[in-house]
Amino acid sequence: MRYIFLFLFAIVNVCFGQQVKRFNPDTVLTVRLDSAVNIKAERINVQAFINKIVSDTSFYEAFRQMKRYSFTAENRIYTYDKKNRTEGKIYRKIFHNNKGPYKMQYLVKQDSGKLFKRNGKYQLYTVEMFDYIFMNAYNSDFVASDPAGGKGKGGSNESYKDKLKTLLFSPGRPIKGVPFIGNKTQIFSANMRQYYDYSFFSGTYLDSIPVYTFKVKMKPDLSSWTKDGIMIRELNTTFDKRTFEILGRSVDMKYGNLAFDFDVKMNIEMGYFDDGETLLPTKISYQGNWDVPFKKEERASFLILHKGYKKEK
């Protein structure tokens, strides 16, 4: 059961904060907010945004669509000690060649610091799962089934991936089979909505696309006891004003109990390709700390950039 928590929160799971000597990728760099928007004046209500977030499958489809393209990925990983001093660095520049039989070609492969065990495996489970999911994400079966998180097949690994897909692609839905966590992700339920403020802003994405950013944020005046029981502290979703498609999502999560303790933030952004007809992932950033009894506390940050998409299939 311990590895369910590690697998789940290592990936969707990105602890911001001003931490010396720690690399903190900006999760909102490509969105410029202009002003808050009066919902009534715009004739758009909170429920319309919630319905779109819960029913949306664009993130899932964007990751599936990568199989049709060749592209270059730049992956940076940093690990840290308890004082947030850098312990290890990984840099990969990879060409995912989908012209003909798929090939993954390393253009640059650099490692430094404390990264591996004597047996050659990564020291941190966070990095191991990052490598499994994102270094070769679309060549695995990570997005092969229902994005809403159907029943796992073929053992525990499938079950872990189903839980990841629910949190990553369908925020607001419950995650079944994870004690203490399942219903805490269901932030749009009647019971959970009382703990959040809802607002949205007008802005610009990638310097040219008009967008709304819908923010769901934990109310600041809650009691300490109530705050300790809330997992998702903030969820930001960026919508294209013209089409209402989702272009980006960031999540801030923090939670602790006797089984584990984590503080993570993650951001995913997408861009238009093929003359604006296809959405594909362009940026994924993560920062997080988590701690499990009898295991070394893990601190890591990732920055993933996808560039040069070329349609092959």
C-alpha atoms as a PDB file:
ATOM      1  CA  MET A   1       0.000   0.000   0.000  1.00  0.00           C
ATOM      2  CA  ARG A   2       2.932   2.335   0.726  1.00  0.00           C
ATOM      3  CA  TYR A   3       3.920   2.400  -2.942  1.00  0.00           C
ATOM      4  CA  ILE A   4       0.439   3.516  -3.993  1.00  0.00           C
ATOM      5  CA  PHE A   5       1.067   6.741  -2.093  1.00  0.00           C
ATOM      6  CA  LEU A   6       4.578   7.138  -3.493  1.00  0.00           C
ATOM      7  CA  PHE A   7       3.517   6.452  -7.057  1.00  0.00           C
ATOM      8  CA  LEU A   8       0.467   8.689  -6.840  1.00  0.00           C
ATOM      9  CA  PHE A   9       2.063  11.752  -5.341  1.00  0.00           C
ATOM     10  CA  ALA A  10       5.471  11.515  -6.919  1.00  0.00           C
ATOM     11  CA  ILE A  11       4.021  12.307 -10.321  1.00  0.00           C
ATOM     12  CA  VAL A  12       0.903  14.379  -9.914  1.00  0.00           C
ATOM     13  CA  ASN A  13       1.831  15.028  -7.952  1.00  0.00           C
ATOM     14  CA  VAL A  14       4.983  20.227  -7.942  1.00  0.00           C
ATOM     15  CA  CYS A  15       6.576  22.735  -2.522  1.00  0.00           C
ATOM     16  CA  PHE A  16       7.139  26.065  -3.976  1.00  0.00           C
ATOM     17  CA  GLY A  17       8.520  28.647  -1.588  1.00  0.00           C
ATOM     18  CA  GLN A  18      11.682  30.681  -1.441  1.00  0.00           C
ATOM     19  CA  GLN A  19      14.178  27.887  -0.835  1.00  0.00           C
ATOM     20  CA  VAL A  20      17.853  28.699  -1.229  1.00  0.00           C
ATOM     21  CA  LYS A  21      19.811  26.664  -3.779  1.00  0.00           C
ATOM     22  CA  ARG A  22      16.671  24.907  -4.995  1.00  0.00           C
ATOM     23  CA  PHE A  23      15.501  25.006  -8.604  1.00  0.00           C
ATOM     24  CA  ASN A  24      11.840  26.001  -8.707  1.00  0.00           C
ATOM     25  CA  PRO A  25      10.341  26.014 -12.212  1.00  0.00           C
ATOM     26  CA  ASP A  26       7.655  28.660 -12.659  1.00  0.00           C
ATOM     27  CA  THR A  27       4.239  27.054 -13.148  1.00  0.00           C
ATOM     28  CA  VAL A  28       2.485  30.123 -14.594  1.00  0.00           C
ATOM     29  CA  LEU A  29       5.214  31.653 -16.747  1.00  0.00           C
ATOM     30  CA  THR A  30       3.258  31.514 -20.003  1.00  0.00           C
ATOM     31  CA  VAL A  31       0.008  33.025 -18.677  1.00  0.00           C
ATOM     32  CA  ARG A  32      -0.273  36.780 -18.192  1.00  0.00           C
ATOM     33  CA  LEU A  33      -3.323  37.739 -16.116  1.00  0.00           C
ATOM     34  CA  ASP A  34      -4.911  41.107 -16.846  1.00  0.00           C
ATOM     35  CA  SER A  35      -7.716  41.405 -14.319  1.00  0.00           C
ATOM     36  CA  ALA A  36     -10.394  39.617 -12.342  1.00  0.00           C
ATOM     37  CA  VAL A  37     -13.613  39.130 -14.278  1.00  0.00           C
ATOM     38  CA  ASN A  38     -17.126  39.797 -13.015  1.00  0.00           C
ATOM     39  CA  ILE A  39     -18.901  36.500 -13.555  1.00  0.00           C
ATOM     40  CA  LYS A  40     -22.386  38.006 -13.867  1.00  0.00           C
ATOM     41  CA  ALA A  41     -21.230  40.588 -16.401  1.00  0.00           C
ATOM     42  CA  GLU A  42     -19.659  37.892 -18.556  1.00  0.00           C
ATOM     43  CA  ARG A  43     -22.737  35.628 -18.279  1.00  0.00           C
ATOM     44  CA  ILE A  44     -20.490  32.774 -17.260  1.00  0.00           C
ATOM     45  CA  ASN A  45     -21.086  31.048 -13.957  1.00  0.00           C
ATOM     46  CA  VAL A  46     -18.959  28.937 -11.675  1.00  0.00           C
ATOM     47  CA  GLN A  47     -20.866  25.760 -12.476  1.00  0.00           C
ATOM     48  CA  ALA A  48     -20.082  26.080 -16.185  1.00  0.00           C
ATOM     49  CA  PHE A  49     -16.358  25.996 -15.413  1.00  0.00           C
ATOM     50  CA  ILE A  50     -16.742  23.119 -12.972  1.00  0.00           C
ATOM     51  CA  ASN A  51     -18.741  21.063 -15.470  1.00  0.00           C
ATOM     52  CA  LYS A  52     -16.060  21.582 -18.095  1.00  0.00           C
ATOM     53  CA  ILE A  53     -13.219  20.621 -15.751  1.00  0.00           C
ATOM     54  CA  VAL A  54     -14.939  17.436 -14.577  1.00  0.00           C
ATOM     55  CA  SER A  55     -15.995  16.286 -18.057  1.00  0.00           C
ATOM     56  CA  ASP A  56     -12.930  17.410 -20.017  1.00  0.00           C
ATOM     57  CA  THR A  57     -10.755  14.796 -21.780  1.00  0.00           C
ATOM     58  CA  SER A  58      -8.424  17.161 -23.672  1.00  0.00           C
ATOM     59  CA  PHE A  59      -5.374  16.430 -21.469  1.00  0.00           C
ATOM     60  CA  TYR A  60      -5.822  12.718 -21.932  1.00  0.00           C
ATOM     61  CA  GLU A  61      -6.243  13.125 -25.682  1.00  0.00           C
ATOM     62  CA  ALA A  62      -3.209  15.427 -25.915  1.00  0.00           C
ATOM     63  CA  PHE A  63      -0.936  12.767 -24.414  1.00  0.00           C
ATOM     64  CA  ARG A  64      -2.429  10.128 -26.710  1.00  0.00           C
ATOM     65  CA  GLN A  65      -1.872  12.339 -29.750  1.00  0.00           C
ATOM     66  CA  MET A  66       1.901  12.448 -29.125  1.00  0.00           C
ATOM     67  CA  LYS A  67       2.161   8.992 -30.697  1.00  0.00           C
ATOM     68  CA  ARG A  68       1.453  10.614 -34.066  1.00  0.00           C
ATOM     69  CA  TYR A  69       4.350  13.074 -33.857  1.00  0.00           C
ATOM     70  CA  SER A  70       8.104  13.258 -33.723  1.00  0.00           C
ATOM     71  CA  PHE A  71       9.392  15.829 -31.232  1.00  0.00           C
ATOM     72  CA  THR A  72      12.268  16.790 -28.965  1.00  0.00           C
ATOM     73  CA  ALA A  73      11.969  16.657 -25.180  1.00  0.00           C
ATOM     74  CA  GLU A  74      14.253  18.469 -22.732  1.00  0.00           C
ATOM     75  CA  ASN A  75      14.016  16.974 -19.248  1.00  0.00           C
ATOM     76  CA  ARG A  76      15.673  18.451 -16.164  1.00  0.00           C
ATOM     77  CA  ILE A  77      15.522  16.743 -12.759  1.00  0.00           C
ATOM     78  CA  TYR A  78      16.958  17.998  -9.475  1.00  0.00           C
ATOM     79  CA  THR A  79      17.071  16.211  -6.118  1.00  0.00           C
ATOM     80  CA  TYR A  80      17.783  17.840  -2.746  1.00  0.00           C
ATOM     81  CA  ASP A  81      18.850  17.130   0.819  1.00  0.00           C
ATOM     82  CA  LYS A  82      16.908  18.244   3.916  1.00  0.00           C
ATOM     83  CA  LYS A  83      18.441  21.727   3.693  1.00  0.00           C
ATOM     84  CA  ASN A  84      17.349  22.008   0.027  1.00  0.00           C
ATOM     85  CA  ARG A  85      20.918  21.816  -1.224  1.00  0.00           C
ATOM     86  CA  THR A  86      21.174  20.141  -4.614  1.00  0.00           C
ATOM     87  CA  GLU A  87      22.192  16.479  -4.330  1.00  0.00           C
ATOM     88  CA  GLY A  88      21.726  15.275  -7.885  1.00  0.00           C
ATOM     89  CA  LYS A  89      21.051  16.559 -11.393  1.00  0.00           C
ATOM     90  CA  ILE A  90      19.776  14.814 -14.507  1.00  0.00           C
ATOM     91  CA  TYR A  91      19.556  16.387 -17.955  1.00  0.00           C
ATOM     92  CA  ARG A  92      18.146  14.572 -20.957  1.00  0.00           C
ATOM     93  CA  LYS A  93      17.571  15.874 -24.452  1.00  0.00           C
ATOM     94  CA  ILE A  94      15.639  13.198 -26.291  1.00  0.00           C
ATOM     95  CA  PHE A  95      14.370  12.982 -29.851  1.00  0.00           C
ATOM     96  CA  HIS A  96      11.198  10.922 -29.989  1.00  0.00           C
ATOM     97  CA  ASN A  97      11.231   9.700 -33.577  1.00  0.00           C
ATOM     98  CA  ASN A  98       7.849   8.431 -34.734  1.00  0.00           C
ATOM     99  CA  LYS A  99       8.687   8.200 -38.414  1.00  0.00           C
ATOM    100  CA  GLY A 100       8.308   4.490 -38.996  1.00  0.00           C
ATOM    101  CA  PRO A 101       8.929   2.212 -35.997  1.00  0.00           C
ATOM    102  CA  TYR A 102       9.244   4.346 -32.884  1.00  0.00           C
ATOM    103  CA  LYS A 103      12.778   5.216 -31.758  1.00  0.00           C
ATOM    104  CA  MET A 104      13.916   7.195 -28.723  1.00  0.00           C
ATOM    105  CA  GLN A 105      17.251   8.849 -29.478  1.00  0.00           C
ATOM    106  CA  TYR A 106      19.320  10.503 -26.742  1.00  0.00           C
ATOM    107  CA  LEU A 107      20.860  13.754 -27.988  1.00  0.00           C
ATOM    108  CA  VAL A 108      22.280  14.682 -24.566  1.00  0.00           C
ATOM    109  CA  LYS A 109      22.493  12.520 -21.441  1.00  0.00           C
ATOM    110  CA  GLN A 110      24.135  14.068 -18.358  1.00  0.00           C
ATOM    111  CA  ASP A 111      24.061  12.922 -14.708  1.00  0.00           C
ATOM    112  CA  SER A 112      25.805  14.359 -11.664  1.00  0.00           C
ATOM    113  CA  GLY A 113      25.641  13.951  -7.902  1.00  0.00           C
ATOM    114  CA  LYS A 114      23.934  11.289  -5.795  1.00  0.00           C
ATOM    115  CA  LEU A 115      21.321   9.658  -8.024  1.00  0.00           C
ATOM    116  CA  PHE A 116      21.764   5.888  -8.121  1.00  0.00           C
ATOM    117  CA  LYS A 117      21.992   2.933  -5.758  1.00  0.00           C
ATOM    118  CA  ARG A 118      24.713   0.312  -6.085  1.00  0.00           C
ATOM    119  CA  ASN A 119      22.358  -1.844  -8.142  1.00  0.00           C
ATOM    120  CA  GLY A 120      21.977   0.962 -10.692  1.00  0.00           C
ATOM    121  CA  LYS A 121      18.444   1.953  -9.723  1.00  0.00           C
ATOM    122  CA  TYR A 122      17.502   5.502  -8.754  1.00  0.00           C
ATOM    123  CA  GLN A 123      17.864   6.365  -5.074  1.00  0.00           C
ATOM    124  CA  LEU A 124      14.560   8.233  -5.002  1.00  0.00           C
ATOM    125  CA  TYR A 125      11.262   6.615  -5.867  1.00  0.00           C
ATOM    126  CA  THR A 126      10.080  10.007  -7.146  1.00  0.00           C
ATOM    127  CA  VAL A 127      12.772  10.030  -9.833  1.00  0.00           C
ATOM    128  CA  GLU A 128      12.162   6.390 -10.704  1.00  0.00           C
ATOM    129  CA  MET A 129       8.495   7.091 -11.374  1.00  0.00           C
ATOM    130  CA  PHE A 130       9.335  10.268 -13.297  1.00  0.00           C
ATOM    131  CA  ASP A 131      11.644   8.274 -15.534  1.00  0.00           C
ATOM    132  CA  TYR A 132       8.996   5.599 -16.050  1.00  0.00           C
ATOM    133  CA  ILE A 133       6.183   8.000 -16.852  1.00  0.00           C
ATOM    134  CA  PHE A 134       7.711  11.027 -18.551  1.00  0.00           C
ATOM    135  CA  MET A 135      11.016   9.964 -20.051  1.00  0.00           C
ATOM    136  CA  ASN A 136       9.088   7.609 -22.282  1.00  0.00           C
ATOM    137  CA  ALA A 137       5.530   8.557 -21.426  1.00  0.00           C
ATOM    138  CA  TYR A 138       3.689   8.029 -24.682  1.00  0.00           C
ATOM    139  CA  ASN A 139       5.560   4.859 -25.574  1.00  0.00           C
ATOM    140  CA  SER A 140       4.201   3.194 -22.416  1.00  0.00           C
ATOM    141  CA  ASP A 141       0.562   2.347 -21.823  1.00  0.00           C
ATOM    142  CA  PHE A 142       0.131   5.230 -19.350  1.00  0.00           C
ATOM    143  CA  VAL A 143      -2.732   6.717 -21.354  1.00  0.00           C
ATOM    144  CA  ALA A 144      -3.945   3.534 -22.984  1.00  0.00           C
ATOM    145  CA  SER A 145      -7.246   3.230 -21.146  1.00  0.00           C
ATOM    146  CA  ASP A 146     -10.100   5.355 -19.838  1.00  0.00           C
ATOM    147  CA  PRO A 147      -8.887   8.768 -18.542  1.00  0.00           C
ATOM    148  CA  ALA A 148     -11.500   8.672 -15.827  1.00  0.00           C
ATOM    149  CA  GLY A 149      -9.626   5.825 -14.213  1.00  0.00           C
ATOM    150  CA  GLY A 150     -11.266   2.496 -14.927  1.00  0.00           C
ATOM    151  CA  LYS A 151     -10.545  -0.697 -13.061  1.00  0.00           C
ATOM    152  CA  GLY A 152      -6.916  -1.735 -13.110  1.00  0.00           C
ATOM    153  CA  LYS A 153      -5.922  -4.772 -15.138  1.00  0.00           C
ATOM    154  CA  GLY A 154      -3.023  -7.120 -14.832  1.00  0.00           C
ATOM    155  CA  GLY A 155      -1.836  -6.352 -11.290  1.00  0.00           C
ATOM    156  CA  SER A 156      -0.987  -3.455  -9.036  1.00  0.00           C
ATOM    157  CA  ASN A 157       0.979  -1.348 -11.564  1.00  0.00           C
ATOM    158  CA  GLU A 158      -2.136  -0.959 -13.699  1.00  0.00           C
ATOM    159  CA  SER A 159      -4.081   0.071 -10.626  1.00  0.00           C
ATOM    160  CA  TYR A 160      -1.479   2.736  -9.780  1.00  0.00           C
ATOM    161  CA  LYS A 161      -1.634   4.153 -13.288  1.00  0.00           C
ATOM    162  CA  ASP A 162      -5.432   4.279 -13.173  1.00  0.00           C
ATOM    163  CA  LYS A 163      -5.233   6.358  -9.995  1.00  0.00           C
ATOM    164  CA  LEU A 164      -2.695   8.668 -11.580  1.00  0.00           C
ATOM    165  CA  LYS A 165      -4.878   9.168 -14.631  1.00  0.00           C
ATOM    166  CA  THR A 166      -7.833  10.135 -12.473  1.00  0.00           C
ATOM    167  CA  LEU A 167      -5.902  12.829 -10.612  1.00  0.00           C
ATOM    168  CA  LEU A 168      -3.969  14.081 -13.636  1.00  0.00           C
ATOM    169  CA  PHE A 169      -6.674  14.052 -16.297  1.00  0.00           C
ATOM    170  CA  SER A 170      -9.868  14.316 -14.226  1.00  0.00           C
ATOM    171  CA  PRO A 171      -9.341  16.515 -11.146  1.00  0.00           C
ATOM    172  CA  GLY A 172     -12.399  16.722  -8.950  1.00  0.00           C
ATOM    173  CA  ARG A 173     -13.216  13.023  -9.221  1.00  0.00           C
ATOM    174  CA  PRO A 174     -12.688  10.642  -6.288  1.00  0.00           C
ATOM    175  CA  ILE A 175      -9.674   8.333  -6.341  1.00  0.00           C
ATOM    176  CA  LYS A 176     -10.927   4.935  -5.273  1.00  0.00           C
ATOM    177  CA  GLY A 177      -8.816   2.490  -3.345  1.00  0.00           C
ATOM    178  CA  VAL A 178      -6.479   4.957  -1.599  1.00  0.00           C
ATOM    179  CA  PRO A 179      -7.223   5.189   2.161  1.00  0.00           C
ATOM    180  CA  PHE A 180      -7.510   8.699   3.668  1.00  0.00           C
ATOM    181  CA  ILE A 181      -7.304  10.294   0.202  1.00  0.00           C
ATOM    182  CA  GLY A 182     -10.092   9.049  -2.079  1.00  0.00           C
ATOM    183  CA  ASN A 183     -12.802  11.645  -1.385  1.00  0.00           C
ATOM    184  CA  LYS A 184     -10.426  14.530  -0.637  1.00  0.00           C
ATOM    185  CA  THR A 185      -9.804  15.019  -4.362  1.00  0.00           C
ATOM    186  CA  GLN A 186     -13.532  15.461  -4.961  1.00  0.00           C
ATOM    187  CA  ILE A 187     -13.339  19.206  -4.408  1.00  0.00           C
ATOM    188  CA  PHE A 188     -16.508  20.032  -6.357  1.00  0.00           C
ATOM    189  CA  SER A 189     -18.792  17.869  -4.229  1.00  0.00           C
ATOM    190  CA  ALA A 190     -21.470  19.566  -2.113  1.00  0.00           C
ATOM    191  CA  ASN A 191     -19.541  18.775   1.044  1.00  0.00           C
ATOM    192  CA  MET A 192     -16.158  20.076  -0.181  1.00  0.00           C
ATOM    193  CA  ARG A 193     -17.294  23.226  -1.992  1.00  0.00           C
ATOM    194  CA  GLN A 194     -17.898  25.021   1.311  1.00  0.00           C
ATOM    195  CA  TYR A 195     -14.131  25.092   1.882  1.00  0.00           C
ATOM    196  CA  TYR A 196     -13.166  26.818  -1.392  1.00  0.00           C
ATOM    197  CA  ASP A 197     -13.395  30.234  -3.032  1.00  0.00           C
ATOM    198  CA  TYR A 198     -14.019  30.394  -6.795  1.00  0.00           C
ATOM    199  CA  SER A 199     -12.823  33.183  -9.079  1.00  0.00           C
ATOM    200  CA  PHE A 200     -11.717  33.669 -12.656  1.00  0.00           C
ATOM    201  CA  PHE A 201      -9.499  36.087 -14.492  1.00  0.00           C
ATOM    202  CA  SER A 202      -9.017  37.385 -17.997  1.00  0.00           C
ATOM    203  CA  GLY A 203      -5.556  36.981 -19.486  1.00  0.00           C
ATOM    204  CA  THR A 204      -3.280  36.052 -22.379  1.00  0.00           C
ATOM    205  CA  TYR A 205      -1.578  32.717 -23.000  1.00  0.00           C
ATOM    206  CA  LEU A 206       1.636  32.464 -25.051  1.00  0.00           C
ATOM    207  CA  ASP A 207       1.391  36.214 -25.769  1.00  0.00           C
ATOM    208  CA  SER A 208      -1.481  35.807 -28.215  1.00  0.00           C
ATOM    209  CA  ILE A 209      -4.304  33.518 -27.058  1.00  0.00           C
ATOM    210  CA  PRO A 210      -7.116  35.178 -25.032  1.00  0.00           C
ATOM    211  CA  VAL A 211      -7.911  33.043 -21.996  1.00  0.00           C
ATOM    212  CA  TYR A 212      -9.837  32.729 -18.765  1.00  0.00           C
ATOM    213  CA  THR A 213      -8.053  31.320 -15.732  1.00  0.00           C
ATOM    214  CA  PHE A 214     -10.469  29.700 -13.300  1.00  0.00           C
ATOM    215  CA  LYS A 215      -9.102  29.481  -9.755  1.00  0.00           C
ATOM    216  CA  VAL A 216     -10.350  27.175  -7.021  1.00  0.00           C
ATOM    217  CA  LYS A 217      -8.563  28.097  -3.783  1.00  0.00           C
ATOM    218  CA  MET A 218      -8.940  27.001  -0.182  1.00  0.00           C
ATOM    219  CA  LYS A 219     -10.603  29.700   1.908  1.00  0.00           C
ATOM    220  CA  PRO A 220      -8.022  31.588   4.010  1.00  0.00           C
ATOM    221  CA  ASP A 221     -10.197  31.937   7.123  1.00  0.00           C
ATOM    222  CA  LEU A 222     -10.687  28.224   7.800  1.00  0.00           C
ATOM    223  CA  SER A 223      -9.648  26.797  11.147  1.00  0.00           C
ATOM    224  CA  SER A 224      -6.280  25.051  11.371  1.00  0.00           C
ATOM    225  CA  TRP A 225      -8.065  21.751  12.020  1.00  0.00           C
ATOM    226  CA  THR A 226     -10.150  22.141   8.840  1.00  0.00           C
ATOM    227  CA  LYS A 227      -7.139  23.154   6.728  1.00  0.00           C
ATOM    228  CA  ASP A 228      -5.227  20.080   7.877  1.00  0.00           C
ATOM    229  CA  GLY A 229      -7.985  17.887   6.447  1.00  0.00           C
ATOM    230  CA  ILE A 230      -7.943  19.495   2.972  1.00  0.00           C
ATOM    231  CA  MET A 231      -5.600  18.036   0.366  1.00  0.00           C
ATOM    232  CA  ILE A 232      -5.977  20.216  -2.744  1.00  0.00           C
ATOM    233  CA  ARG A 233      -5.081  23.764  -1.707  1.00  0.00           C
ATOM    234  CA  GLU A 234      -5.422  25.372  -5.131  1.00  0.00           C
ATOM    235  CA  LEU A 235      -6.404  24.318  -8.651  1.00  0.00           C
ATOM    236  CA  ASN A 236      -5.945  26.697 -11.610  1.00  0.00           C
ATOM    237  CA  THR A 237      -7.324  25.877 -15.042  1.00  0.00           C
ATOM    238  CA  THR A 238      -6.692  27.948 -18.187  1.00  0.00           C
ATOM    239  CA  PHE A 239      -9.459  28.065 -20.826  1.00  0.00           C
ATOM    240  CA  ASP A 240      -9.253  29.355 -24.392  1.00  0.00           C
ATOM    241  CA  LYS A 241     -11.898  32.112 -24.555  1.00  0.00           C
ATOM    242  CA  ARG A 242     -12.634  31.308 -28.184  1.00  0.00           C
ATOM    243  CA  THR A 243     -13.309  27.589 -27.850  1.00  0.00           C
ATOM    244  CA  PHE A 244     -13.491  26.946 -24.076  1.00  0.00           C
ATOM    245  CA  GLU A 245     -10.799  24.281 -24.512  1.00  0.00           C
ATOM    246  CA  ILE A 246      -8.461  23.709 -21.572  1.00  0.00           C
ATOM    247  CA  LEU A 247      -4.891  24.854 -22.303  1.00  0.00           C
ATOM    248  CA  GLY A 248      -3.283  24.450 -18.903  1.00  0.00           C
ATOM    249  CA  ARG A 249      -3.714  23.235 -15.352  1.00  0.00           C
ATOM    250  CA  SER A 250      -1.755  23.690 -12.111  1.00  0.00           C
ATOM    251  CA  VAL A 251      -2.440  22.022  -8.775  1.00  0.00           C
ATOM    252  CA  ASP A 252      -1.118  22.710  -5.269  1.00  0.00           C
ATOM    253  CA  MET A 253      -1.505  19.814  -2.811  1.00  0.00           C
ATOM    254  CA  LYS A 254      -0.456  19.361   0.784  1.00  0.00           C
ATOM    255  CA  TYR A 255      -1.451  16.701   3.260  1.00  0.00           C
ATOM    256  CA  GLY A 256      -0.100  14.680   6.146  1.00  0.00           C
ATOM    257  CA  ASN A 257      -1.113  11.821   8.407  1.00  0.00           C
ATOM    258  CA  LEU A 258       0.541   8.854  10.096  1.00  0.00           C
ATOM    259  CA  ALA A 259       1.006   7.063   6.754  1.00  0.00           C
ATOM    260  CA  PHE A 260       2.687   9.832   4.725  1.00  0.00           C
ATOM    261  CA  ASP A 261       3.326  13.553   4.439  1.00  0.00           C
ATOM    262  CA  PHE A 262       3.608  15.496   1.166  1.00  0.00           C
ATOM    263  CA  ASP A 263       3.709  19.039  -0.180  1.00  0.00           C
ATOM    264  CA  VAL A 264       3.666  19.219  -3.978  1.00  0.00           C
ATOM    265  CA  LYS A 265       2.853  21.487  -6.890  1.00  0.00           C
ATOM    266  CA  MET A 266       2.522  20.525 -10.516  1.00  0.00           C
ATOM    267  CA  ASN A 267       1.703  22.319 -13.746  1.00  0.00           C
ATOM    268  CA  ILE A 268       0.862  21.073 -17.250  1.00  0.00           C
ATOM    269  CA  GLU A 269       0.555  23.332 -20.295  1.00  0.00           C
ATOM    270  CA  MET A 270      -0.441  22.597 -23.877  1.00  0.00           C
ATOM    271  CA  GLY A 271      -0.102  24.324 -27.230  1.00  0.00           C
ATOM    272  CA  TYR A 272      -1.868  24.301 -30.597  1.00  0.00           C
ATOM    273  CA  PHE A 273      -0.284  22.520 -33.562  1.00  0.00           C
ATOM    274  CA  ASP A 274      -1.340  21.622 -37.110  1.00  0.00           C
ATOM    275  CA  ASP A 275      -2.719  25.124 -37.737  1.00  0.00           C
ATOM    276  CA  GLY A 276      -4.537  25.181 -34.435  1.00  0.00           C
ATOM    277  CA  GLU A 277      -6.326  21.866 -34.838  1.00  0.00           C
ATOM    278  CA  THR A 278      -4.431  19.734 -32.310  1.00  0.00           C
ATOM    279  CA  LEU A 279      -3.507  20.301 -28.659  1.00  0.00           C
ATOM    280  CA  LEU A 280      -0.230  18.735 -27.480  1.00  0.00           C
ATOM    281  CA  PRO A 281       1.714  18.930 -24.178  1.00  0.00           C
ATOM    282  CA  THR A 282       4.484  21.543 -24.195  1.00  0.00           C
ATOM    283  CA  LYS A 283       5.473  21.980 -20.540  1.00  0.00           C
ATOM    284  CA  ILE A 284       5.278  19.945 -17.350  1.00  0.00           C
ATOM    285  CA  SER A 285       6.781  21.227 -14.106  1.00  0.00           C
ATOM    286  CA  TYR A 286       6.838  19.629 -10.673  1.00  0.00           C
ATOM    287  CA  GLN A 287       8.150  20.496  -7.239  1.00  0.00           C
ATOM    288  CA  GLY A 288       7.584  18.350  -4.220  1.00  0.00           C
ATOM    289  CA  ASN A 289       8.571  16.988  -0.850  1.00  0.00           C
ATOM    290  CA  TRP A 290       7.122  13.819   0.602  1.00  0.00           C
ATOM    291  CA  ASP A 291       7.924  11.678   3.577  1.00  0.00           C
ATOM    292  CA  VAL A 292       6.910   8.118   4.425  1.00  0.00           C
ATOM    293  CA  PRO A 293       7.805   6.343   7.696  1.00  0.00           C
ATOM    294  CA  PHE A 294      11.031   4.303   7.512  1.00  0.00           C
ATOM    295  CA  LYS A 295      11.950   5.876   4.149  1.00  0.00           C
ATOM    296  CA  LYS A 296      14.259   8.778   3.350  1.00  0.00           C
ATOM    297  CA  GLU A 297      12.384  12.026   2.803  1.00  0.00           C
ATOM    298  CA  GLU A 298      12.316  12.790  -0.920  1.00  0.00           C
ATOM    299  CA  ARG A 299      12.714  16.289  -2.354  1.00  0.00           C
ATOM    300  CA  ALA A 300      12.787  16.848  -6.091  1.00  0.00           C
ATOM    301  CA  SER A 301      11.816  19.196  -8.914  1.00  0.00           C
ATOM    302  CA  PHE A 302      11.337  18.523 -12.631  1.00  0.00           C
ATOM    303  CA  LEU A 303      10.989  20.649 -15.735  1.00  0.00           C
ATOM    304  CA  ILE A 304       9.903  19.009 -18.996  1.00  0.00           C
ATOM    305  CA  LEU A 305       9.710  20.920 -22.281  1.00  0.00           C
ATOM    306  CA  HIS A 306       8.434  19.441 -25.557  1.00  0.00           C
ATOM    307  CA  LYS A 307       9.417  21.198 -28.776  1.00  0.00           C
ATOM    308  CA  GLY A 308       9.396  20.766 -32.547  1.00  0.00           C
ATOM    309  CA  TYR A 309       6.342  18.596 -33.009  1.00  0.00           C
ATOM    310  CA  LYS A 310       6.202  17.136 -36.513  1.00  0.00           C
ATOM    311  CA  LYS A 311       3.253  15.037 -37.586  1.00  0.00           C
ATOM    312  CA  GLU A 312       4.262  11.588 -38.873  1.00  0.00           C
ATOM    313  CA  LYS A 313       1.149   9.411 -38.670  1.00  0.00           C
END
